Amino acid sequence: MIKKAFKMKIYPDCHVEYQKRHDVLWPEMKAMLVKYGAQTYSIFLDEATSTLFAYLEIEDESLWSQTATTEINQKWWLYMADIMETNLDNSPNSIELTQVFDL
């Protein structure tokens, strides 16, 4: 099992909207995440800084890396681009974190 963590930023006035969109995550998005090896995927919000912390466990890094080019993921990125910091291709501006401890 490969553990991954990263952080992203949402706009301060979009906390509720971000939660709302994830509460009704599209079934085809959920299916894609599982198809490409996500065993678990959680996102946490630091409301004081509007920083999101994401944690997931995947089966295979090369399989997971293919998620970025799926049609559904591209559609999701476009859908989320108005409420968070993104790159020019609408992908979330994310910073991968290095694991330093595991119990």
PDB file of N, CA and C in Angstrom:
ATOM      1  N   MET A   1       0.840  -1.178   0.000  1.00  0.00           N
ATOM      2  CA  MET A   1       0.000   0.000   0.000  1.00  0.00           C
ATOM      3  C   MET A   1       0.888   1.245   0.000  1.00  0.00           C
ATOM      4  N   ILE A   2       0.590   2.165  -0.870  1.00  0.00           N
ATOM      5  CA  ILE A   2       1.327   3.427  -0.967  1.00  0.00           C
ATOM      6  C   ILE A   2       0.482   4.538  -0.337  1.00  0.00           C
ATOM      7  N   LYS A   3       1.078   5.258   0.593  1.00  0.00           N
ATOM      8  CA  LYS A   3       0.391   6.360   1.263  1.00  0.00           C
ATOM      9  C   LYS A   3       0.824   7.664   0.617  1.00  0.00           C
ATOM     10  N   LYS A   4      -0.152   8.520   0.322  1.00  0.00           N
ATOM     11  CA  LYS A   4       0.122   9.818  -0.283  1.00  0.00           C
ATOM     12  C   LYS A   4      -0.606  10.900   0.501  1.00  0.00           C
ATOM     13  N   ALA A   5       0.034  12.049   0.620  1.00  0.00           N
ATOM     14  CA  ALA A   5      -0.597  13.194   1.273  1.00  0.00           C
ATOM     15  C   ALA A   5      -0.176  14.448   0.522  1.00  0.00           C
ATOM     16  N   PHE A   6      -1.095  15.385   0.447  1.00  0.00           N
ATOM     17  CA  PHE A   6      -0.789  16.646  -0.207  1.00  0.00           C
ATOM     18  C   PHE A   6      -1.718  17.723   0.332  1.00  0.00           C
ATOM     19  N   LYS A   7      -1.331  18.972   0.066  1.00  0.00           N
ATOM     20  CA  LYS A   7      -2.174  20.079   0.511  1.00  0.00           C
ATOM     21  C   LYS A   7      -2.545  20.947  -0.681  1.00  0.00           C
ATOM     22  N   MET A   8      -3.715  21.566  -0.560  1.00  0.00           N
ATOM     23  CA  MET A   8      -4.260  22.449  -1.584  1.00  0.00           C
ATOM     24  C   MET A   8      -4.885  23.640  -0.863  1.00  0.00           C
ATOM     25  N   LYS A   9      -5.298  24.638  -1.608  1.00  0.00           N
ATOM     26  CA  LYS A   9      -5.939  25.817  -1.013  1.00  0.00           C
ATOM     27  C   LYS A   9      -7.274  26.078  -1.701  1.00  0.00           C
ATOM     28  N   ILE A  10      -8.275  26.402  -0.872  1.00  0.00           N
ATOM     29  CA  ILE A  10      -9.545  26.880  -1.415  1.00  0.00           C
ATOM     30  C   ILE A  10      -9.692  28.347  -1.031  1.00  0.00           C
ATOM     31  N   TYR A  11     -10.550  29.033  -1.743  1.00  0.00           N
ATOM     32  CA  TYR A  11     -10.771  30.438  -1.430  1.00  0.00           C
ATOM     33  C   TYR A  11     -11.545  30.542  -0.115  1.00  0.00           C
ATOM     34  N   PRO A  12     -11.175  31.519   0.727  1.00  0.00           N
ATOM     35  CA  PRO A  12     -11.767  31.621   2.065  1.00  0.00           C
ATOM     36  C   PRO A  12     -13.293  31.646   2.099  1.00  0.00           C
ATOM     37  N   ASP A  13     -13.924  32.209   1.107  1.00  0.00           N
ATOM     38  CA  ASP A  13     -15.385  32.280   1.122  1.00  0.00           C
ATOM     39  C   ASP A  13     -16.049  31.067   0.473  1.00  0.00           C
ATOM     40  N   CYS A  14     -15.261  30.008   0.201  1.00  0.00           N
ATOM     41  CA  CYS A  14     -15.796  28.838  -0.507  1.00  0.00           C
ATOM     42  C   CYS A  14     -15.796  27.555   0.320  1.00  0.00           C
ATOM     43  N   HIS A  15     -15.589  27.651   1.614  1.00  0.00           N
ATOM     44  CA  HIS A  15     -15.548  26.450   2.456  1.00  0.00           C
ATOM     45  C   HIS A  15     -16.844  25.644   2.351  1.00  0.00           C
ATOM     46  N   VAL A  16     -17.961  26.319   2.487  1.00  0.00           N
ATOM     47  CA  VAL A  16     -19.258  25.632   2.455  1.00  0.00           C
ATOM     48  C   VAL A  16     -19.496  25.010   1.075  1.00  0.00           C
ATOM     49  N   GLU A  17     -19.189  25.738   0.041  1.00  0.00           N
ATOM     50  CA  GLU A  17     -19.396  25.227  -1.312  1.00  0.00           C
ATOM     51  C   GLU A  17     -18.503  24.016  -1.597  1.00  0.00           C
ATOM     52  N   TYR A  18     -17.263  24.050  -1.133  1.00  0.00           N
ATOM     53  CA  TYR A  18     -16.358  22.915  -1.313  1.00  0.00           C
ATOM     54  C   TYR A  18     -16.947  21.668  -0.644  1.00  0.00           C
ATOM     55  N   GLN A  19     -17.411  21.830   0.592  1.00  0.00           N
ATOM     56  CA  GLN A  19     -18.033  20.715   1.315  1.00  0.00           C
ATOM     57  C   GLN A  19     -19.264  20.210   0.567  1.00  0.00           C
ATOM     58  N   LYS A  20     -20.091  21.130   0.120  1.00  0.00           N
ATOM     59  CA  LYS A  20     -21.319  20.768  -0.591  1.00  0.00           C
ATOM     60  C   LYS A  20     -21.026  19.935  -1.837  1.00  0.00           C
ATOM     61  N   ARG A  21     -20.042  20.351  -2.608  1.00  0.00           N
ATOM     62  CA  ARG A  21     -19.701  19.622  -3.836  1.00  0.00           C
ATOM     63  C   ARG A  21     -19.156  18.228  -3.545  1.00  0.00           C
ATOM     64  N   HIS A  22     -18.445  18.091  -2.455  1.00  0.00           N
ATOM     65  CA  HIS A  22     -17.928  16.764  -2.109  1.00  0.00           C
ATOM     66  C   HIS A  22     -18.988  15.878  -1.452  1.00  0.00           C
ATOM     67  N   ASP A  23     -19.967  16.483  -0.808  1.00  0.00           N
ATOM     68  CA  ASP A  23     -21.057  15.701  -0.218  1.00  0.00           C
ATOM     69  C   ASP A  23     -21.855  14.963  -1.288  1.00  0.00           C
ATOM     70  N   VAL A  24     -21.882  15.514  -2.479  1.00  0.00           N
ATOM     71  CA  VAL A  24     -22.613  14.885  -3.592  1.00  0.00           C
ATOM     72  C   VAL A  24     -21.650  14.535  -4.732  1.00  0.00           C
ATOM     73  N   LEU A  25     -20.474  14.028  -4.344  1.00  0.00           N
ATOM     74  CA  LEU A  25     -19.475  13.642  -5.338  1.00  0.00           C
ATOM     75  C   LEU A  25     -20.102  12.742  -6.395  1.00  0.00           C
ATOM     76  N   TRP A  26     -19.847  13.086  -7.643  1.00  0.00           N
ATOM     77  CA  TRP A  26     -20.433  12.327  -8.754  1.00  0.00           C
ATOM     78  C   TRP A  26     -20.077  10.844  -8.658  1.00  0.00           C
ATOM     79  N   PRO A  27     -21.053   9.959  -8.859  1.00  0.00           N
ATOM     80  CA  PRO A  27     -20.782   8.517  -8.803  1.00  0.00           C
ATOM     81  C   PRO A  27     -19.683   8.083  -9.771  1.00  0.00           C
ATOM     82  N   GLU A  28     -19.632   8.698 -10.964  1.00  0.00           N
ATOM     83  CA  GLU A  28     -18.596   8.322 -11.924  1.00  0.00           C
ATOM     84  C   GLU A  28     -17.206   8.776 -11.465  1.00  0.00           C
ATOM     85  N   MET A  29     -17.139   9.813 -10.656  1.00  0.00           N
ATOM     86  CA  MET A  29     -15.855  10.241 -10.084  1.00  0.00           C
ATOM     87  C   MET A  29     -15.410   9.244  -9.027  1.00  0.00           C
ATOM     88  N   LYS A  30     -16.336   8.835  -8.173  1.00  0.00           N
ATOM     89  CA  LYS A  30     -16.015   7.817  -7.162  1.00  0.00           C
ATOM     90  C   LYS A  30     -15.536   6.537  -7.836  1.00  0.00           C
ATOM     91  N   ALA A  31     -16.235   6.123  -8.882  1.00  0.00           N
ATOM     92  CA  ALA A  31     -15.873   4.893  -9.597  1.00  0.00           C
ATOM     93  C   ALA A  31     -14.483   4.998 -10.202  1.00  0.00           C
ATOM     94  N   MET A  32     -14.144   6.160 -10.751  1.00  0.00           N
ATOM     95  CA  MET A  32     -12.824   6.353 -11.338  1.00  0.00           C
ATOM     96  C   MET A  32     -11.742   6.243 -10.276  1.00  0.00           C
ATOM     97  N   LEU A  33     -11.953   6.854  -9.113  1.00  0.00           N
ATOM     98  CA  LEU A  33     -10.965   6.791  -8.047  1.00  0.00           C
ATOM     99  C   LEU A  33     -10.674   5.348  -7.642  1.00  0.00           C
ATOM    100  N   VAL A  34     -11.722   4.567  -7.505  1.00  0.00           N
ATOM    101  CA  VAL A  34     -11.563   3.161  -7.135  1.00  0.00           C
ATOM    102  C   VAL A  34     -10.893   2.377  -8.270  1.00  0.00           C
ATOM    103  N   LYS A  35     -11.329   2.613  -9.499  1.00  0.00           N
ATOM    104  CA  LYS A  35     -10.765   1.913 -10.668  1.00  0.00           C
ATOM    105  C   LYS A  35      -9.256   2.129 -10.763  1.00  0.00           C
ATOM    106  N   TYR A  36      -8.802   3.319 -10.415  1.00  0.00           N
ATOM    107  CA  TYR A  36      -7.384   3.634 -10.523  1.00  0.00           C
ATOM    108  C   TYR A  36      -6.620   3.415  -9.225  1.00  0.00           C
ATOM    109  N   GLY A  37      -7.219   2.661  -8.300  1.00  0.00           N
ATOM    110  CA  GLY A  37      -6.478   2.140  -7.165  1.00  0.00           C
ATOM    111  C   GLY A  37      -6.614   2.827  -5.828  1.00  0.00           C
ATOM    112  N   ALA A  38      -7.498   3.801  -5.688  1.00  0.00           N
ATOM    113  CA  ALA A  38      -7.659   4.451  -4.382  1.00  0.00           C
ATOM    114  C   ALA A  38      -8.342   3.491  -3.420  1.00  0.00           C
ATOM    115  N   GLN A  39      -7.680   3.191  -2.329  1.00  0.00           N
ATOM    116  CA  GLN A  39      -8.249   2.343  -1.289  1.00  0.00           C
ATOM    117  C   GLN A  39      -8.986   3.185  -0.250  1.00  0.00           C
ATOM    118  N   THR A  40      -8.431   4.344   0.018  1.00  0.00           N
ATOM    119  CA  THR A  40      -9.030   5.299   0.938  1.00  0.00           C
ATOM    120  C   THR A  40      -8.615   6.686   0.481  1.00  0.00           C
ATOM    121  N   TYR A  41      -9.480   7.660   0.678  1.00  0.00           N
ATOM    122  CA  TYR A  41      -9.178   9.030   0.264  1.00  0.00           C
ATOM    123  C   TYR A  41      -9.959   9.955   1.184  1.00  0.00           C
ATOM    124  N   SER A  42      -9.236  10.779   1.931  1.00  0.00           N
ATOM    125  CA  SER A  42      -9.858  11.726   2.855  1.00  0.00           C
ATOM    126  C   SER A  42      -9.277  13.105   2.621  1.00  0.00           C
ATOM    127  N   ILE A  43     -10.121  14.125   2.782  1.00  0.00           N
ATOM    128  CA  ILE A  43      -9.678  15.513   2.674  1.00  0.00           C
ATOM    129  C   ILE A  43     -10.157  16.243   3.925  1.00  0.00           C
ATOM    130  N   PHE A  44      -9.246  17.001   4.528  1.00  0.00           N
ATOM    131  CA  PHE A  44      -9.533  17.756   5.736  1.00  0.00           C
ATOM    132  C   PHE A  44      -9.306  19.237   5.451  1.00  0.00           C
ATOM    133  N   LEU A  45     -10.077  20.103   6.107  1.00  0.00           N
ATOM    134  CA  LEU A  45      -9.969  21.540   5.924  1.00  0.00           C
ATOM    135  C   LEU A  45      -9.469  22.222   7.187  1.00  0.00           C
ATOM    136  N   ASP A  46      -8.436  23.041   7.047  1.00  0.00           N
ATOM    137  CA  ASP A  46      -8.005  23.946   8.110  1.00  0.00           C
ATOM    138  C   ASP A  46      -8.712  25.267   7.814  1.00  0.00           C
ATOM    139  N   GLU A  47      -9.787  25.532   8.511  1.00  0.00           N
ATOM    140  CA  GLU A  47     -10.614  26.701   8.227  1.00  0.00           C
ATOM    141  C   GLU A  47      -9.869  28.015   8.432  1.00  0.00           C
ATOM    142  N   ALA A  48      -8.920  28.048   9.341  1.00  0.00           N
ATOM    143  CA  ALA A  48      -8.190  29.286   9.619  1.00  0.00           C
ATOM    144  C   ALA A  48      -7.322  29.728   8.444  1.00  0.00           C
ATOM    145  N   THR A  49      -6.824  28.751   7.664  1.00  0.00           N
ATOM    146  CA  THR A  49      -5.920  29.081   6.553  1.00  0.00           C
ATOM    147  C   THR A  49      -6.496  28.728   5.189  1.00  0.00           C
ATOM    148  N   SER A  50      -7.664  28.119   5.162  1.00  0.00           N
ATOM    149  CA  SER A  50      -8.289  27.621   3.923  1.00  0.00           C
ATOM    150  C   SER A  50      -7.415  26.583   3.221  1.00  0.00           C
ATOM    151  N   THR A  51      -6.613  25.886   3.999  1.00  0.00           N
ATOM    152  CA  THR A  51      -5.749  24.834   3.471  1.00  0.00           C
ATOM    153  C   THR A  51      -6.461  23.493   3.579  1.00  0.00           C
ATOM    154  N   LEU A  52      -6.419  22.749   2.490  1.00  0.00           N
ATOM    155  CA  LEU A  52      -6.945  21.393   2.473  1.00  0.00           C
ATOM    156  C   LEU A  52      -5.782  20.419   2.636  1.00  0.00           C
ATOM    157  N   PHE A  53      -5.974  19.402   3.439  1.00  0.00           N
ATOM    158  CA  PHE A  53      -5.004  18.326   3.597  1.00  0.00           C
ATOM    159  C   PHE A  53      -5.667  17.057   3.076  1.00  0.00           C
ATOM    160  N   ALA A  54      -5.065  16.457   2.080  1.00  0.00           N
ATOM    161  CA  ALA A  54      -5.625  15.231   1.492  1.00  0.00           C
ATOM    162  C   ALA A  54      -4.713  14.050   1.801  1.00  0.00           C
ATOM    163  N   TYR A  55      -5.344  12.930   2.108  1.00  0.00           N
ATOM    164  CA  TYR A  55      -4.617  11.692   2.392  1.00  0.00           C
ATOM    165  C   TYR A  55      -5.283  10.565   1.622  1.00  0.00           C
ATOM    166  N   LEU A  56      -4.473   9.784   0.919  1.00  0.00           N
ATOM    167  CA  LEU A  56      -5.031   8.619   0.246  1.00  0.00           C
ATOM    168  C   LEU A  56      -4.052   7.470   0.268  1.00  0.00           C
ATOM    169  N   GLU A  57      -4.596   6.291   0.104  1.00  0.00           N
ATOM    170  CA  GLU A  57      -3.806   5.079  -0.023  1.00  0.00           C
ATOM    171  C   GLU A  57      -4.141   4.470  -1.363  1.00  0.00           C
ATOM    172  N   ILE A  58      -3.100   4.159  -2.124  1.00  0.00           N
ATOM    173  CA  ILE A  58      -3.275   3.616  -3.469  1.00  0.00           C
ATOM    174  C   ILE A  58      -2.532   2.295  -3.604  1.00  0.00           C
ATOM    175  N   GLU A  59      -2.865   1.563  -4.655  1.00  0.00           N
ATOM    176  CA  GLU A  59      -2.223   0.279  -4.914  1.00  0.00           C
ATOM    177  C   GLU A  59      -0.949   0.428  -5.728  1.00  0.00           C
ATOM    178  N   ASP A  60      -0.973   1.344  -6.718  1.00  0.00           N
ATOM    179  CA  ASP A  60       0.103   1.406  -7.703  1.00  0.00           C
ATOM    180  C   ASP A  60       0.273   2.854  -8.188  1.00  0.00           C
ATOM    181  N   GLU A  61       1.469   3.377  -8.062  1.00  0.00           N
ATOM    182  CA  GLU A  61       1.723   4.776  -8.436  1.00  0.00           C
ATOM    183  C   GLU A  61       1.507   5.024  -9.931  1.00  0.00           C
ATOM    184  N   SER A  62       1.939   4.108 -10.775  1.00  0.00           N
ATOM    185  CA  SER A  62       1.785   4.320 -12.222  1.00  0.00           C
ATOM    186  C   SER A  62       0.321   4.277 -12.628  1.00  0.00           C
ATOM    187  N   LEU A  63      -0.466   3.415 -12.019  1.00  0.00           N
ATOM    188  CA  LEU A  63      -1.902   3.380 -12.290  1.00  0.00           C
ATOM    189  C   LEU A  63      -2.551   4.674 -11.815  1.00  0.00           C
ATOM    190  N   TRP A  64      -2.236   5.102 -10.604  1.00  0.00           N
ATOM    191  CA  TRP A  64      -2.818   6.310 -10.041  1.00  0.00           C
ATOM    192  C   TRP A  64      -2.496   7.538 -10.884  1.00  0.00           C
ATOM    193  N   SER A  65      -1.288   7.608 -11.414  1.00  0.00           N
ATOM    194  CA  SER A  65      -0.883   8.779 -12.192  1.00  0.00           C
ATOM    195  C   SER A  65      -1.741   8.978 -13.441  1.00  0.00           C
ATOM    196  N   GLN A  66      -2.430   7.950 -13.871  1.00  0.00           N
ATOM    197  CA  GLN A  66      -3.297   8.036 -15.048  1.00  0.00           C
ATOM    198  C   GLN A  66      -4.624   8.751 -14.763  1.00  0.00           C
ATOM    199  N   THR A  67      -4.944   8.977 -13.504  1.00  0.00           N
ATOM    200  CA  THR A  67      -6.212   9.632 -13.176  1.00  0.00           C
ATOM    201  C   THR A  67      -6.296  11.038 -13.768  1.00  0.00           C
ATOM    202  N   ALA A  68      -5.170  11.723 -13.840  1.00  0.00           N
ATOM    203  CA  ALA A  68      -5.157  13.111 -14.313  1.00  0.00           C
ATOM    204  C   ALA A  68      -5.690  13.256 -15.731  1.00  0.00           C
ATOM    205  N   THR A  69      -5.541  12.233 -16.539  1.00  0.00           N
ATOM    206  CA  THR A  69      -5.942  12.335 -17.945  1.00  0.00           C
ATOM    207  C   THR A  69      -7.322  11.757 -18.235  1.00  0.00           C
ATOM    208  N   THR A  70      -7.997  11.260 -17.208  1.00  0.00           N
ATOM    209  CA  THR A  70      -9.334  10.723 -17.456  1.00  0.00           C
ATOM    210  C   THR A  70     -10.314  11.852 -17.727  1.00  0.00           C
ATOM    211  N   GLU A  71     -11.301  11.569 -18.546  1.00  0.00           N
ATOM    212  CA  GLU A  71     -12.305  12.571 -18.900  1.00  0.00           C
ATOM    213  C   GLU A  71     -13.046  13.077 -17.665  1.00  0.00           C
ATOM    214  N   ILE A  72     -13.406  12.175 -16.761  1.00  0.00           N
ATOM    215  CA  ILE A  72     -14.162  12.582 -15.583  1.00  0.00           C
ATOM    216  C   ILE A  72     -13.325  13.468 -14.664  1.00  0.00           C
ATOM    217  N   ASN A  73     -12.048  13.176 -14.543  1.00  0.00           N
ATOM    218  CA  ASN A  73     -11.187  14.005 -13.697  1.00  0.00           C
ATOM    219  C   ASN A  73     -11.009  15.395 -14.295  1.00  0.00           C
ATOM    220  N   GLN A  74     -10.859  15.468 -15.605  1.00  0.00           N
ATOM    221  CA  GLN A  74     -10.757  16.763 -16.272  1.00  0.00           C
ATOM    222  C   GLN A  74     -12.038  17.583 -16.045  1.00  0.00           C
ATOM    223  N   LYS A  75     -13.183  16.911 -16.112  1.00  0.00           N
ATOM    224  CA  LYS A  75     -14.469  17.569 -15.875  1.00  0.00           C
ATOM    225  C   LYS A  75     -14.566  18.060 -14.428  1.00  0.00           C
ATOM    226  N   TRP A  76     -14.099  17.247 -13.478  1.00  0.00           N
ATOM    227  CA  TRP A  76     -14.126  17.614 -12.060  1.00  0.00           C
ATOM    228  C   TRP A  76     -13.234  18.825 -11.801  1.00  0.00           C
ATOM    229  N   TRP A  77     -12.034  18.810 -12.368  1.00  0.00           N
ATOM    230  CA  TRP A  77     -11.130  19.942 -12.180  1.00  0.00           C
ATOM    231  C   TRP A  77     -11.767  21.240 -12.656  1.00  0.00           C
ATOM    232  N   LEU A  78     -12.403  21.195 -13.810  1.00  0.00           N
ATOM    233  CA  LEU A  78     -13.064  22.382 -14.353  1.00  0.00           C
ATOM    234  C   LEU A  78     -14.187  22.840 -13.412  1.00  0.00           C
ATOM    235  N   TYR A  79     -14.947  21.882 -12.891  1.00  0.00           N
ATOM    236  CA  TYR A  79     -16.046  22.158 -11.962  1.00  0.00           C
ATOM    237  C   TYR A  79     -15.551  22.818 -10.674  1.00  0.00           C
ATOM    238  N   MET A  80     -14.369  22.442 -10.208  1.00  0.00           N
ATOM    239  CA  MET A  80     -13.835  22.942  -8.942  1.00  0.00           C
ATOM    240  C   MET A  80     -12.977  24.194  -9.098  1.00  0.00           C
ATOM    241  N   ALA A  81     -12.612  24.550 -10.306  1.00  0.00           N
ATOM    242  CA  ALA A  81     -11.652  25.638 -10.540  1.00  0.00           C
ATOM    243  C   ALA A  81     -12.106  26.993 -10.015  1.00  0.00           C
ATOM    244  N   ASP A  82     -13.397  27.208  -9.892  1.00  0.00           N
ATOM    245  CA  ASP A  82     -13.870  28.515  -9.437  1.00  0.00           C
ATOM    246  C   ASP A  82     -13.806  28.699  -7.918  1.00  0.00           C
ATOM    247  N   ILE A  83     -13.491  27.640  -7.182  1.00  0.00           N
ATOM    248  CA  ILE A  83     -13.491  27.763  -5.720  1.00  0.00           C
ATOM    249  C   ILE A  83     -12.140  27.447  -5.070  1.00  0.00           C
ATOM    250  N   MET A  84     -11.129  27.157  -5.893  1.00  0.00           N
ATOM    251  CA  MET A  84      -9.828  26.830  -5.311  1.00  0.00           C
ATOM    252  C   MET A  84      -8.687  27.281  -6.204  1.00  0.00           C
ATOM    253  N   GLU A  85      -7.501  27.323  -5.642  1.00  0.00           N
ATOM    254  CA  GLU A  85      -6.315  27.685  -6.409  1.00  0.00           C
ATOM    255  C   GLU A  85      -5.989  26.542  -7.367  1.00  0.00           C
ATOM    256  N   THR A  86      -5.794  26.903  -8.642  1.00  0.00           N
ATOM    257  CA  THR A  86      -5.538  25.881  -9.658  1.00  0.00           C
ATOM    258  C   THR A  86      -4.380  26.290 -10.561  1.00  0.00           C
ATOM    259  N   ASN A  87      -3.897  25.312 -11.309  1.00  0.00           N
ATOM    260  CA  ASN A  87      -2.901  25.525 -12.346  1.00  0.00           C
ATOM    261  C   ASN A  87      -3.612  25.912 -13.638  1.00  0.00           C
ATOM    262  N   LEU A  88      -2.858  26.230 -14.675  1.00  0.00           N
ATOM    263  CA  LEU A  88      -3.438  26.643 -15.951  1.00  0.00           C
ATOM    264  C   LEU A  88      -4.343  25.572 -16.570  1.00  0.00           C
ATOM    265  N   ASP A  89      -4.080  24.292 -16.272  1.00  0.00           N
ATOM    266  CA  ASP A  89      -4.905  23.201 -16.817  1.00  0.00           C
ATOM    267  C   ASP A  89      -6.096  22.865 -15.917  1.00  0.00           C
ATOM    268  N   ASN A  90      -6.382  23.722 -14.946  1.00  0.00           N
ATOM    269  CA  ASN A  90      -7.460  23.554 -13.958  1.00  0.00           C
ATOM    270  C   ASN A  90      -7.172  22.521 -12.880  1.00  0.00           C
ATOM    271  N   SER A  91      -6.034  21.850 -12.929  1.00  0.00           N
ATOM    272  CA  SER A  91      -5.693  20.912 -11.857  1.00  0.00           C
ATOM    273  C   SER A  91      -5.457  21.705 -10.580  1.00  0.00           C
ATOM    274  N   PRO A  92      -5.797  21.127  -9.439  1.00  0.00           N
ATOM    275  CA  PRO A  92      -5.573  21.846  -8.178  1.00  0.00           C
ATOM    276  C   PRO A  92      -4.087  22.146  -7.991  1.00  0.00           C
ATOM    277  N   ASN A  93      -3.808  23.332  -7.519  1.00  0.00           N
ATOM    278  CA  ASN A  93      -2.436  23.672  -7.164  1.00  0.00           C
ATOM    279  C   ASN A  93      -2.147  22.917  -5.868  1.00  0.00           C
ATOM    280  N   SER A  94      -1.413  21.830  -5.972  1.00  0.00           N
ATOM    281  CA  SER A  94      -1.195  20.984  -4.804  1.00  0.00           C
ATOM    282  C   SER A  94       0.292  20.787  -4.539  1.00  0.00           C
ATOM    283  N   ILE A  95       0.591  20.589  -3.282  1.00  0.00           N
ATOM    284  CA  ILE A  95       1.958  20.341  -2.845  1.00  0.00           C
ATOM    285  C   ILE A  95       1.979  18.979  -2.170  1.00  0.00           C
ATOM    286  N   GLU A  96       2.760  18.065  -2.737  1.00  0.00           N
ATOM    287  CA  GLU A  96       2.873  16.734  -2.148  1.00  0.00           C
ATOM    288  C   GLU A  96       3.676  16.831  -0.858  1.00  0.00           C
ATOM    289  N   LEU A  97       3.239  16.091   0.142  1.00  0.00           N
ATOM    290  CA  LEU A  97       3.901  16.093   1.441  1.00  0.00           C
ATOM    291  C   LEU A  97       4.711  14.820   1.615  1.00  0.00           C
ATOM    292  N   THR A  98       5.803  14.935   2.358  1.00  0.00           N
ATOM    293  CA  THR A  98       6.692  13.801   2.629  1.00  0.00           C
ATOM    294  C   THR A  98       6.315  13.181   3.959  1.00  0.00           C
ATOM    295  N   GLN A  99       6.126  11.877   3.956  1.00  0.00           N
ATOM    296  CA  GLN A  99       5.811  11.185   5.213  1.00  0.00           C
ATOM    297  C   GLN A  99       7.060  11.137   6.072  1.00  0.00           C
ATOM    298  N   VAL A 100       6.928  11.532   7.325  1.00  0.00           N
ATOM    299  CA  VAL A 100       8.044  11.514   8.243  1.00  0.00           C
ATOM    300  C   VAL A 100       7.824  10.588   9.452  1.00  0.00           C
ATOM    301  N   PHE A 101       6.607  10.076   9.602  1.00  0.00           N
ATOM    302  CA  PHE A 101       6.306   9.174  10.709  1.00  0.00           C
ATOM    303  C   PHE A 101       5.100   8.324  10.364  1.00  0.00           C
ATOM    304  N   ASP A 102       5.113   7.089  10.825  1.00  0.00           N
ATOM    305  CA  ASP A 102       3.980   6.185  10.664  1.00  0.00           C
ATOM    306  C   ASP A 102       3.960   5.228  11.830  1.00  0.00           C
ATOM    307  N   LEU A 103       2.855   5.086  12.502  1.00  0.00           N
ATOM    308  CA  LEU A 103       2.733   4.198  13.650  1.00  0.00           C
ATOM    309  C   LEU A 103       2.218   2.859  13.184  1.00  0.00           C
TER     310      LEU A 103
END
